[in-house]
Amino acid sequence: MWHEGRLRQAAARQHGLIGRDQARSLGATDHEISRHIESGRLEVVHPGVYYLNCTPATWKTEVLAAAIAAGPDALASHRCAAVLWGMDSIYGRMIEVTVPYSESPVPKGAILHRTRRHNPRFELDSIPISPPEKTVLDMAGTLPERTLWKAARSAVRKGISSVEKMDVTVGVYGGRGVGGTKRMRRVIRLVADDESGSVAEIDLAWIVVNAPVPEPIQQLRIQLPNGNNAYPDFSWPDRMRIVEVDGFGAHGTPEQMKHDLQRQNQLLDLGWEIRRFTATEVRDEPERVRADVVRFIMKPFCEDPSRATRD
């Protein structure tokens, strides 16, 4: 028997979707399902997956529809999962689904990944999805290391994963035959060592790490003449040089601008040279910023080291 209320309640929890098996479990017959498809009450999204117009269709509707169509063990994964988790540096509305290695159907418009390994499962907003740390590992085989680093760092910063969880995930699901395992281990080390908090700082850190300059000290504690401490992004105390990035939120208020200028002037009084970049420069002109950093750090310096101390 067709129970309109039950079906609509179930679909409302699933971005407007209902599967044939689920509709049957709620009392609908195949004849009733076919009749409602013909009348337009049900819209076929994929074979056996229908849209019931009880909530606005979104990209999440498409993702869940593909997961339902690919089988009961399917889940959103890779870049699709990264977007759903809100990780930095991963954009777009691609649909990627992972299923056990079988004859699962390939939903139209979706990229299907098949695996013989156990696939950990989570549910986010009614969508079956790979956990954040497994999502990063899945992407490690194809994404540039810098992009992967930003995604992993944001997952830790947003509290949806941790370095420890990522390390355990590599140990359990990585290894021989899993593409990107070595890259993932390098990224985990970088994230563990990273003391910066913004995307712009992560971008600049990547530029500095890969530039032909001596290794800097991150967040070096420098005592200022007024008794406060400064913690520059990157410091070379033997050369008395500092490189920093102004994030998109920097100087948001007159008070913050005043504080930053006072801090900078006191560093200059101590003999430090400072080179600053905007977040836009670091994001859009990395090669030019890299060249500027190299010229700035490698120019001759003959004075005594500073009074900086490291915690």
C-alpha atoms as a PDB file:
ATOM      1  CA  MET A   1       0.000   0.000   0.000  1.00  0.00           C
ATOM      2  CA  TRP A   2       1.257   3.474  -0.885  1.00  0.00           C
ATOM      3  CA  HIS A   3       1.897   5.431   2.332  1.00  0.00           C
ATOM      4  CA  GLU A   4       2.547   8.958   1.125  1.00  0.00           C
ATOM      5  CA  GLY A   5       3.322  10.342   4.585  1.00  0.00           C
ATOM      6  CA  ARG A   6       5.897   7.669   5.431  1.00  0.00           C
ATOM      7  CA  LEU A   7       7.635   8.017   2.076  1.00  0.00           C
ATOM      8  CA  ARG A   8       7.807  11.789   2.281  1.00  0.00           C
ATOM      9  CA  GLN A   9       9.171  11.668   5.839  1.00  0.00           C
ATOM     10  CA  ALA A  10      11.879   9.221   4.795  1.00  0.00           C
ATOM     11  CA  ALA A  11      12.766  11.237   1.691  1.00  0.00           C
ATOM     12  CA  ALA A  12      12.900  14.500   3.654  1.00  0.00           C
ATOM     13  CA  ARG A  13      15.688  13.009   5.796  1.00  0.00           C
ATOM     14  CA  GLN A  14      17.572  11.965   2.661  1.00  0.00           C
ATOM     15  CA  HIS A  15      17.689  15.150   0.593  1.00  0.00           C
ATOM     16  CA  GLY A  16      14.411  14.246  -1.112  1.00  0.00           C
ATOM     17  CA  LEU A  17      15.461  10.742  -2.147  1.00  0.00           C
ATOM     18  CA  ILE A  18      13.932   7.310  -1.742  1.00  0.00           C
ATOM     19  CA  GLY A  19      15.301   3.998  -2.988  1.00  0.00           C
ATOM     20  CA  ARG A  20      13.129   1.228  -4.439  1.00  0.00           C
ATOM     21  CA  ASP A  21      14.036  -1.223  -1.682  1.00  0.00           C
ATOM     22  CA  GLN A  22      13.337   1.397   0.967  1.00  0.00           C
ATOM     23  CA  ALA A  23       9.995   2.276  -0.614  1.00  0.00           C
ATOM     24  CA  ARG A  24       9.072  -1.413  -0.582  1.00  0.00           C
ATOM     25  CA  SER A  25      10.026  -1.676   3.079  1.00  0.00           C
ATOM     26  CA  LEU A  26       7.605   1.176   3.758  1.00  0.00           C
ATOM     27  CA  GLY A  27       4.750  -0.698   2.112  1.00  0.00           C
ATOM     28  CA  ALA A  28       4.886   0.453  -1.516  1.00  0.00           C
ATOM     29  CA  THR A  29       4.438  -2.138  -4.271  1.00  0.00           C
ATOM     30  CA  ASP A  30       6.317  -2.252  -7.581  1.00  0.00           C
ATOM     31  CA  HIS A  31       3.048  -1.436  -9.359  1.00  0.00           C
ATOM     32  CA  GLU A  32       2.514   1.661  -7.195  1.00  0.00           C
ATOM     33  CA  ILE A  33       6.092   2.801  -7.709  1.00  0.00           C
ATOM     34  CA  SER A  34       5.730   2.457 -11.501  1.00  0.00           C
ATOM     35  CA  ARG A  35       2.399   4.292 -11.456  1.00  0.00           C
ATOM     36  CA  HIS A  36       3.856   7.216  -9.489  1.00  0.00           C
ATOM     37  CA  ILE A  37       6.824   7.389 -11.864  1.00  0.00           C
ATOM     38  CA  GLU A  38       4.428   7.603 -14.816  1.00  0.00           C
ATOM     39  CA  SER A  39       2.405  10.319 -13.118  1.00  0.00           C
ATOM     40  CA  GLY A  40       5.506  12.351 -12.298  1.00  0.00           C
ATOM     41  CA  ARG A  41       5.145  12.030  -8.517  1.00  0.00           C
ATOM     42  CA  LEU A  42       8.457  10.182  -8.477  1.00  0.00           C
ATOM     43  CA  GLU A  43      11.410  11.340 -10.587  1.00  0.00           C
ATOM     44  CA  VAL A  44      13.931   8.667 -11.590  1.00  0.00           C
ATOM     45  CA  VAL A  45      17.437   9.888 -10.693  1.00  0.00           C
ATOM     46  CA  HIS A  46      19.203   6.554 -11.193  1.00  0.00           C
ATOM     47  CA  PRO A  47      17.739   3.069 -11.712  1.00  0.00           C
ATOM     48  CA  GLY A  48      16.046   2.256  -8.400  1.00  0.00           C
ATOM     49  CA  VAL A  49      16.605   5.743  -6.957  1.00  0.00           C
ATOM     50  CA  TYR A  50      13.838   8.341  -6.997  1.00  0.00           C
ATOM     51  CA  TYR A  51      13.413  11.983  -6.085  1.00  0.00           C
ATOM     52  CA  LEU A  52      10.244  12.859  -4.216  1.00  0.00           C
ATOM     53  CA  ASN A  53       9.684  16.608  -4.357  1.00  0.00           C
ATOM     54  CA  CYS A  54       9.484  17.213  -0.615  1.00  0.00           C
ATOM     55  CA  THR A  55      12.714  19.195  -0.167  1.00  0.00           C
ATOM     56  CA  PRO A  56      14.860  21.264  -2.585  1.00  0.00           C
ATOM     57  CA  ALA A  57      17.335  19.243  -4.633  1.00  0.00           C
ATOM     58  CA  THR A  58      21.000  20.176  -4.082  1.00  0.00           C
ATOM     59  CA  TRP A  59      24.434  18.811  -4.898  1.00  0.00           C
ATOM     60  CA  LYS A  60      24.123  16.643  -1.796  1.00  0.00           C
ATOM     61  CA  THR A  61      21.007  15.115  -3.363  1.00  0.00           C
ATOM     62  CA  GLU A  62      23.129  14.084  -6.353  1.00  0.00           C
ATOM     63  CA  VAL A  63      25.867  12.637  -4.127  1.00  0.00           C
ATOM     64  CA  LEU A  64      23.467  10.583  -2.035  1.00  0.00           C
ATOM     65  CA  ALA A  65      21.604   9.416  -5.146  1.00  0.00           C
ATOM     66  CA  ALA A  66      24.855   8.106  -6.636  1.00  0.00           C
ATOM     67  CA  ALA A  67      25.747   6.338  -3.375  1.00  0.00           C
ATOM     68  CA  ILE A  68      22.328   4.669  -3.184  1.00  0.00           C
ATOM     69  CA  ALA A  69      22.494   3.648  -6.844  1.00  0.00           C
ATOM     70  CA  ALA A  70      25.970   2.110  -6.433  1.00  0.00           C
ATOM     71  CA  GLY A  71      24.796  -0.316  -3.753  1.00  0.00           C
ATOM     72  CA  PRO A  72      24.364  -0.656   0.012  1.00  0.00           C
ATOM     73  CA  ASP A  73      28.127  -0.600   0.706  1.00  0.00           C
ATOM     74  CA  ALA A  74      28.865   2.490  -1.392  1.00  0.00           C
ATOM     75  CA  LEU A  75      30.019   5.748   0.148  1.00  0.00           C
ATOM     76  CA  ALA A  76      31.143   9.207  -0.929  1.00  0.00           C
ATOM     77  CA  SER A  77      34.936   9.385  -1.056  1.00  0.00           C
ATOM     78  CA  HIS A  78      38.037  11.149  -2.363  1.00  0.00           C
ATOM     79  CA  ARG A  79      37.524  14.793  -3.451  1.00  0.00           C
ATOM     80  CA  CYS A  80      33.756  14.522  -3.103  1.00  0.00           C
ATOM     81  CA  ALA A  81      34.131  13.552   0.552  1.00  0.00           C
ATOM     82  CA  ALA A  82      36.722  16.288   1.104  1.00  0.00           C
ATOM     83  CA  VAL A  83      34.255  18.911  -0.123  1.00  0.00           C
ATOM     84  CA  LEU A  84      31.528  17.482   2.104  1.00  0.00           C
ATOM     85  CA  TRP A  85      33.888  17.598   5.095  1.00  0.00           C
ATOM     86  CA  GLY A  86      34.782  21.212   4.238  1.00  0.00           C
ATOM     87  CA  MET A  87      38.521  20.667   3.775  1.00  0.00           C
ATOM     88  CA  ASP A  88      40.586  23.558   2.432  1.00  0.00           C
ATOM     89  CA  SER A  89      42.015  23.538  -1.120  1.00  0.00           C
ATOM     90  CA  ILE A  90      39.467  21.033  -2.485  1.00  0.00           C
ATOM     91  CA  TYR A  91      36.754  22.634  -4.572  1.00  0.00           C
ATOM     92  CA  GLY A  92      34.169  21.726  -7.199  1.00  0.00           C
ATOM     93  CA  ARG A  93      31.119  19.522  -7.275  1.00  0.00           C
ATOM     94  CA  MET A  94      32.521  16.245  -8.550  1.00  0.00           C
ATOM     95  CA  ILE A  95      30.840  13.052  -7.378  1.00  0.00           C
ATOM     96  CA  GLU A  96      33.171  10.218  -6.334  1.00  0.00           C
ATOM     97  CA  VAL A  97      31.945   7.004  -4.772  1.00  0.00           C
ATOM     98  CA  THR A  98      33.871   3.990  -3.469  1.00  0.00           C
ATOM     99  CA  VAL A  99      32.396   0.470  -3.483  1.00  0.00           C
ATOM    100  CA  PRO A 100      33.693  -3.025  -2.739  1.00  0.00           C
ATOM    101  CA  TYR A 101      35.239  -4.715  -5.758  1.00  0.00           C
ATOM    102  CA  SER A 102      32.175  -6.236  -7.436  1.00  0.00           C
ATOM    103  CA  GLU A 103      29.771  -5.724 -10.288  1.00  0.00           C
ATOM    104  CA  SER A 104      28.213  -2.650  -8.701  1.00  0.00           C
ATOM    105  CA  PRO A 105      26.528  -0.369 -11.236  1.00  0.00           C
ATOM    106  CA  VAL A 106      28.247   2.879 -12.195  1.00  0.00           C
ATOM    107  CA  PRO A 107      25.870   5.787 -11.538  1.00  0.00           C
ATOM    108  CA  LYS A 108      25.680   8.271 -14.391  1.00  0.00           C
ATOM    109  CA  GLY A 109      27.843  11.320 -13.789  1.00  0.00           C
ATOM    110  CA  ALA A 110      29.837   9.720 -10.959  1.00  0.00           C
ATOM    111  CA  ILE A 111      33.425   8.490 -10.694  1.00  0.00           C
ATOM    112  CA  LEU A 112      33.388   5.000  -9.187  1.00  0.00           C
ATOM    113  CA  HIS A 113      36.353   3.614  -7.231  1.00  0.00           C
ATOM    114  CA  ARG A 114      36.458  -0.114  -6.491  1.00  0.00           C
ATOM    115  CA  THR A 115      38.470  -1.583  -3.638  1.00  0.00           C
ATOM    116  CA  ARG A 116      39.177  -5.041  -2.259  1.00  0.00           C
ATOM    117  CA  ARG A 117      40.090  -3.568   1.118  1.00  0.00           C
ATOM    118  CA  HIS A 118      37.810  -2.818   4.038  1.00  0.00           C
ATOM    119  CA  ASN A 119      36.359   0.660   3.704  1.00  0.00           C
ATOM    120  CA  PRO A 120      35.633   2.514   6.982  1.00  0.00           C
ATOM    121  CA  ARG A 121      32.271   4.217   6.951  1.00  0.00           C
ATOM    122  CA  PHE A 122      30.797   7.340   8.468  1.00  0.00           C
ATOM    123  CA  GLU A 123      27.535   9.205   7.956  1.00  0.00           C
ATOM    124  CA  LEU A 124      27.438  12.954   7.418  1.00  0.00           C
ATOM    125  CA  ASP A 125      24.115  14.692   6.845  1.00  0.00           C
ATOM    126  CA  SER A 126      22.533  11.320   5.931  1.00  0.00           C
ATOM    127  CA  ILE A 127      25.255  10.648   3.316  1.00  0.00           C
ATOM    128  CA  PRO A 128      27.506   7.581   3.753  1.00  0.00           C
ATOM    129  CA  ILE A 129      31.049   8.919   3.555  1.00  0.00           C
ATOM    130  CA  SER A 130      34.694   8.036   4.167  1.00  0.00           C
ATOM    131  CA  PRO A 131      36.064   9.352   7.488  1.00  0.00           C
ATOM    132  CA  PRO A 132      38.225  12.493   7.103  1.00  0.00           C
ATOM    133  CA  GLU A 133      41.572  10.758   7.592  1.00  0.00           C
ATOM    134  CA  LYS A 134      40.699   7.984   5.098  1.00  0.00           C
ATOM    135  CA  THR A 135      39.504  10.677   2.686  1.00  0.00           C
ATOM    136  CA  VAL A 136      42.938  12.324   2.805  1.00  0.00           C
ATOM    137  CA  LEU A 137      44.675   8.972   2.245  1.00  0.00           C
ATOM    138  CA  ASP A 138      42.397   8.227  -0.726  1.00  0.00           C
ATOM    139  CA  MET A 139      43.409  11.533  -2.321  1.00  0.00           C
ATOM    140  CA  ALA A 140      47.132  11.057  -1.647  1.00  0.00           C
ATOM    141  CA  GLY A 141      47.643   8.994  -4.793  1.00  0.00           C
ATOM    142  CA  THR A 142      46.498  11.729  -7.160  1.00  0.00           C
ATOM    143  CA  LEU A 143      46.694  15.191  -5.588  1.00  0.00           C
ATOM    144  CA  PRO A 144      49.822  17.384  -5.414  1.00  0.00           C
ATOM    145  CA  GLU A 145      51.519  17.196  -2.027  1.00  0.00           C
ATOM    146  CA  ARG A 146      50.912  20.878  -1.317  1.00  0.00           C
ATOM    147  CA  THR A 147      47.169  20.546  -1.932  1.00  0.00           C
ATOM    148  CA  LEU A 148      47.036  17.420   0.196  1.00  0.00           C
ATOM    149  CA  TRP A 149      48.914  19.171   3.000  1.00  0.00           C
ATOM    150  CA  LYS A 150      46.426  22.036   3.057  1.00  0.00           C
ATOM    151  CA  ALA A 151      43.493  19.619   3.140  1.00  0.00           C
ATOM    152  CA  ALA A 152      45.010  17.544   5.944  1.00  0.00           C
ATOM    153  CA  ARG A 153      46.007  20.641   7.938  1.00  0.00           C
ATOM    154  CA  SER A 154      42.504  22.081   7.682  1.00  0.00           C
ATOM    155  CA  ALA A 155      40.980  18.776   8.835  1.00  0.00           C
ATOM    156  CA  VAL A 156      43.118  18.970  11.980  1.00  0.00           C
ATOM    157  CA  ARG A 157      42.518  22.687  12.498  1.00  0.00           C
ATOM    158  CA  LYS A 158      38.735  22.284  12.168  1.00  0.00           C
ATOM    159  CA  GLY A 159      38.734  19.433  14.662  1.00  0.00           C
ATOM    160  CA  ILE A 160      37.331  16.759  12.342  1.00  0.00           C
ATOM    161  CA  SER A 161      40.532  14.703  12.462  1.00  0.00           C
ATOM    162  CA  SER A 162      43.946  14.617  14.120  1.00  0.00           C
ATOM    163  CA  VAL A 163      47.530  13.769  13.304  1.00  0.00           C
ATOM    164  CA  GLU A 164      47.173  10.649  15.435  1.00  0.00           C
ATOM    165  CA  LYS A 165      44.095   9.445  13.532  1.00  0.00           C
ATOM    166  CA  MET A 166      45.815  10.058  10.207  1.00  0.00           C
ATOM    167  CA  ASP A 167      48.884   8.134  11.329  1.00  0.00           C
ATOM    168  CA  VAL A 168      46.759   5.179  12.461  1.00  0.00           C
ATOM    169  CA  THR A 169      44.802   5.260   9.191  1.00  0.00           C
ATOM    170  CA  VAL A 170      47.990   5.047   7.125  1.00  0.00           C
ATOM    171  CA  GLY A 171      49.142   2.126   9.246  1.00  0.00           C
ATOM    172  CA  VAL A 172      45.865   0.248   8.802  1.00  0.00           C
ATOM    173  CA  TYR A 173      44.840   1.160   5.242  1.00  0.00           C
ATOM    174  CA  GLY A 174      48.101   2.277   3.603  1.00  0.00           C
ATOM    175  CA  GLY A 175      51.205   0.357   2.673  1.00  0.00           C
ATOM    176  CA  ARG A 176      52.129  -1.817  -0.274  1.00  0.00           C
ATOM    177  CA  GLY A 177      49.796  -1.402  -3.221  1.00  0.00           C
ATOM    178  CA  VAL A 178      48.135   1.759  -1.910  1.00  0.00           C
ATOM    179  CA  GLY A 179      49.086   4.742  -4.016  1.00  0.00           C
ATOM    180  CA  GLY A 180      50.211   7.848  -2.169  1.00  0.00           C
ATOM    181  CA  THR A 181      51.199   6.158   1.093  1.00  0.00           C
ATOM    182  CA  LYS A 182      54.670   7.732   1.160  1.00  0.00           C
ATOM    183  CA  ARG A 183      53.237  11.105   0.240  1.00  0.00           C
ATOM    184  CA  MET A 184      50.675  10.795   3.001  1.00  0.00           C
ATOM    185  CA  ARG A 185      53.372  10.021   5.572  1.00  0.00           C
ATOM    186  CA  ARG A 186      55.320  13.122   4.503  1.00  0.00           C
ATOM    187  CA  VAL A 187      52.178  15.232   4.783  1.00  0.00           C
ATOM    188  CA  ILE A 188      51.463  13.898   8.267  1.00  0.00           C
ATOM    189  CA  ARG A 189      54.966  14.926   9.364  1.00  0.00           C
ATOM    190  CA  LEU A 190      54.483  18.394   7.897  1.00  0.00           C
ATOM    191  CA  VAL A 191      51.118  18.799   9.609  1.00  0.00           C
ATOM    192  CA  ALA A 192      52.567  17.599  12.916  1.00  0.00           C
ATOM    193  CA  ASP A 193      55.410  20.116  12.632  1.00  0.00           C
ATOM    194  CA  ASP A 194      53.232  22.956  11.417  1.00  0.00           C
ATOM    195  CA  GLU A 195      52.629  25.592  14.071  1.00  0.00           C
ATOM    196  CA  SER A 196      50.810  28.085  11.849  1.00  0.00           C
ATOM    197  CA  GLY A 197      47.058  28.447  11.868  1.00  0.00           C
ATOM    198  CA  SER A 198      45.889  30.032   8.632  1.00  0.00           C
ATOM    199  CA  VAL A 199      45.704  28.845   5.043  1.00  0.00           C
ATOM    200  CA  ALA A 200      47.910  31.788   4.008  1.00  0.00           C
ATOM    201  CA  GLU A 201      50.578  30.762   6.543  1.00  0.00           C
ATOM    202  CA  ILE A 202      50.440  27.192   5.263  1.00  0.00           C
ATOM    203  CA  ASP A 203      50.927  28.440   1.695  1.00  0.00           C
ATOM    204  CA  LEU A 204      53.900  30.570   2.736  1.00  0.00           C
ATOM    205  CA  ALA A 205      55.358  27.699   4.762  1.00  0.00           C
ATOM    206  CA  TRP A 206      55.258  25.516   1.679  1.00  0.00           C
ATOM    207  CA  ILE A 207      57.083  28.172  -0.336  1.00  0.00           C
ATOM    208  CA  VAL A 208      59.755  28.648   2.352  1.00  0.00           C
ATOM    209  CA  VAL A 209      60.276  24.912   2.933  1.00  0.00           C
ATOM    210  CA  ASN A 210      60.941  24.365  -0.755  1.00  0.00           C
ATOM    211  CA  ALA A 211      63.099  27.464  -1.289  1.00  0.00           C
ATOM    212  CA  PRO A 212      66.941  27.252  -1.396  1.00  0.00           C
ATOM    213  CA  VAL A 213      67.410  29.085   1.896  1.00  0.00           C
ATOM    214  CA  PRO A 214      68.584  27.972   5.360  1.00  0.00           C
ATOM    215  CA  GLU A 215      65.903  26.354   7.496  1.00  0.00           C
ATOM    216  CA  PRO A 216      63.958  29.019   9.395  1.00  0.00           C
ATOM    217  CA  ILE A 217      62.583  28.925  12.922  1.00  0.00           C
ATOM    218  CA  GLN A 218      58.798  29.105  13.083  1.00  0.00           C
ATOM    219  CA  GLN A 219      57.163  31.137  15.833  1.00  0.00           C
ATOM    220  CA  LEU A 220      60.466  32.221  17.359  1.00  0.00           C
ATOM    221  CA  ARG A 221      59.918  34.075  20.647  1.00  0.00           C
ATOM    222  CA  ILE A 222      61.418  37.551  20.443  1.00  0.00           C
ATOM    223  CA  GLN A 223      61.205  39.819  23.494  1.00  0.00           C
ATOM    224  CA  LEU A 224      60.222  43.362  22.530  1.00  0.00           C
ATOM    225  CA  PRO A 225      61.386  46.578  24.259  1.00  0.00           C
ATOM    226  CA  ASN A 226      57.930  47.056  25.832  1.00  0.00           C
ATOM    227  CA  GLY A 227      58.188  43.672  27.566  1.00  0.00           C
ATOM    228  CA  ASN A 228      55.803  41.811  25.263  1.00  0.00           C
ATOM    229  CA  ASN A 229      56.812  38.924  23.021  1.00  0.00           C
ATOM    230  CA  ALA A 230      56.535  38.647  19.229  1.00  0.00           C
ATOM    231  CA  TYR A 231      56.239  35.313  17.421  1.00  0.00           C
ATOM    232  CA  PRO A 232      57.009  35.926  13.726  1.00  0.00           C
ATOM    233  CA  ASP A 233      55.923  33.362  11.135  1.00  0.00           C
ATOM    234  CA  PHE A 234      59.490  32.588   9.955  1.00  0.00           C
ATOM    235  CA  SER A 235      62.753  33.875  11.418  1.00  0.00           C
ATOM    236  CA  TRP A 236      66.455  33.561  10.602  1.00  0.00           C
ATOM    237  CA  PRO A 237      68.078  34.918  13.815  1.00  0.00           C
ATOM    238  CA  ASP A 238      71.644  34.530  12.502  1.00  0.00           C
ATOM    239  CA  ARG A 239      70.701  36.899   9.664  1.00  0.00           C
ATOM    240  CA  MET A 240      68.244  39.039  11.659  1.00  0.00           C
ATOM    241  CA  ARG A 241      65.519  38.519   9.068  1.00  0.00           C
ATOM    242  CA  ILE A 242      61.817  37.797   9.330  1.00  0.00           C
ATOM    243  CA  VAL A 243      59.279  36.741   6.690  1.00  0.00           C
ATOM    244  CA  GLU A 244      55.561  36.994   7.435  1.00  0.00           C
ATOM    245  CA  VAL A 245      52.226  36.800   5.661  1.00  0.00           C
ATOM    246  CA  ASP A 246      49.218  38.991   6.357  1.00  0.00           C
ATOM    247  CA  GLY A 247      46.175  36.720   6.257  1.00  0.00           C
ATOM    248  CA  PHE A 248      42.858  37.778   4.797  1.00  0.00           C
ATOM    249  CA  GLY A 249      41.688  38.770   8.257  1.00  0.00           C
ATOM    250  CA  ALA A 250      44.757  40.831   9.184  1.00  0.00           C
ATOM    251  CA  HIS A 251      44.315  44.511  10.084  1.00  0.00           C
ATOM    252  CA  GLY A 252      40.583  43.991  10.390  1.00  0.00           C
ATOM    253  CA  THR A 253      40.238  46.820  12.907  1.00  0.00           C
ATOM    254  CA  PRO A 254      42.116  50.063  13.652  1.00  0.00           C
ATOM    255  CA  GLU A 255      43.175  48.557  16.980  1.00  0.00           C
ATOM    256  CA  GLN A 256      44.688  45.517  15.267  1.00  0.00           C
ATOM    257  CA  MET A 257      46.500  47.694  12.739  1.00  0.00           C
ATOM    258  CA  LYS A 258      47.920  49.834  15.541  1.00  0.00           C
ATOM    259  CA  HIS A 259      49.095  46.758  17.425  1.00  0.00           C
ATOM    260  CA  ASP A 260      50.743  45.259  14.317  1.00  0.00           C
ATOM    261  CA  LEU A 261      52.555  48.487  13.443  1.00  0.00           C
ATOM    262  CA  GLN A 262      53.850  48.922  17.008  1.00  0.00           C
ATOM    263  CA  ARG A 263      55.071  45.334  17.002  1.00  0.00           C
ATOM    264  CA  GLN A 264      56.797  45.786  13.642  1.00  0.00           C
ATOM    265  CA  ASN A 265      58.464  49.057  14.677  1.00  0.00           C
ATOM    266  CA  GLN A 266      59.847  47.448  17.823  1.00  0.00           C
ATOM    267  CA  LEU A 267      61.273  44.568  15.786  1.00  0.00           C
ATOM    268  CA  LEU A 268      62.903  47.092  13.453  1.00  0.00           C
ATOM    269  CA  ASP A 269      64.360  48.918  16.472  1.00  0.00           C
ATOM    270  CA  LEU A 270      65.961  45.642  17.564  1.00  0.00           C
ATOM    271  CA  GLY A 271      67.704  45.382  14.206  1.00  0.00           C
ATOM    272  CA  TRP A 272      65.433  42.885  12.464  1.00  0.00           C
ATOM    273  CA  GLU A 273      64.714  43.200   8.758  1.00  0.00           C
ATOM    274  CA  ILE A 274      61.166  42.243   7.812  1.00  0.00           C
ATOM    275  CA  ARG A 275      59.617  41.160   4.521  1.00  0.00           C
ATOM    276  CA  ARG A 276      55.806  40.898   4.483  1.00  0.00           C
ATOM    277  CA  PHE A 277      53.500  39.363   1.882  1.00  0.00           C
ATOM    278  CA  THR A 278      49.749  39.473   1.514  1.00  0.00           C
ATOM    279  CA  ALA A 279      47.683  36.291   1.445  1.00  0.00           C
ATOM    280  CA  THR A 280      46.698  37.109  -2.140  1.00  0.00           C
ATOM    281  CA  GLU A 281      50.346  37.361  -3.231  1.00  0.00           C
ATOM    282  CA  VAL A 282      51.200  34.047  -1.607  1.00  0.00           C
ATOM    283  CA  ARG A 283      48.198  32.320  -3.154  1.00  0.00           C
ATOM    284  CA  ASP A 284      48.357  33.791  -6.665  1.00  0.00           C
ATOM    285  CA  GLU A 285      52.074  34.490  -7.201  1.00  0.00           C
ATOM    286  CA  PRO A 286      53.987  31.722  -5.377  1.00  0.00           C
ATOM    287  CA  GLU A 287      56.959  31.730  -7.772  1.00  0.00           C
ATOM    288  CA  ARG A 288      57.468  35.482  -7.455  1.00  0.00           C
ATOM    289  CA  VAL A 289      57.129  35.287  -3.648  1.00  0.00           C
ATOM    290  CA  ARG A 290      59.619  32.421  -3.581  1.00  0.00           C
ATOM    291  CA  ALA A 291      62.152  34.468  -5.576  1.00  0.00           C
ATOM    292  CA  ASP A 292      61.646  37.460  -3.259  1.00  0.00           C
ATOM    293  CA  VAL A 293      62.194  35.277  -0.183  1.00  0.00           C
ATOM    294  CA  VAL A 294      65.404  33.838  -1.616  1.00  0.00           C
ATOM    295  CA  ARG A 295      66.796  37.294  -2.498  1.00  0.00           C
ATOM    296  CA  PHE A 296      65.841  38.682   0.903  1.00  0.00           C
ATOM    297  CA  ILE A 297      67.258  35.846   2.987  1.00  0.00           C
ATOM    298  CA  MET A 298      70.422  35.252   0.955  1.00  0.00           C
ATOM    299  CA  LYS A 299      71.626  38.854   0.664  1.00  0.00           C
ATOM    300  CA  PRO A 300      74.857  39.503   2.645  1.00  0.00           C
ATOM    301  CA  PHE A 301      74.670  40.167   6.385  1.00  0.00           C
ATOM    302  CA  CYS A 302      77.557  40.985   8.690  1.00  0.00           C
ATOM    303  CA  GLU A 303      76.114  42.085  12.031  1.00  0.00           C
ATOM    304  CA  ASP A 304      75.881  40.155  15.333  1.00  0.00           C
ATOM    305  CA  PRO A 305      72.984  37.792  16.023  1.00  0.00           C
ATOM    306  CA  SER A 306      69.928  39.119  17.829  1.00  0.00           C
ATOM    307  CA  ARG A 307      68.782  38.768  21.383  1.00  0.00           C
ATOM    308  CA  ALA A 308      66.055  36.350  20.314  1.00  0.00           C
ATOM    309  CA  THR A 309      65.434  33.244  22.371  1.00  0.00           C
ATOM    310  CA  ARG A 310      63.675  30.080  21.365  1.00  0.00           C
ATOM    311  CA  ASP A 311      61.120  28.416  23.633  1.00  0.00           C
END
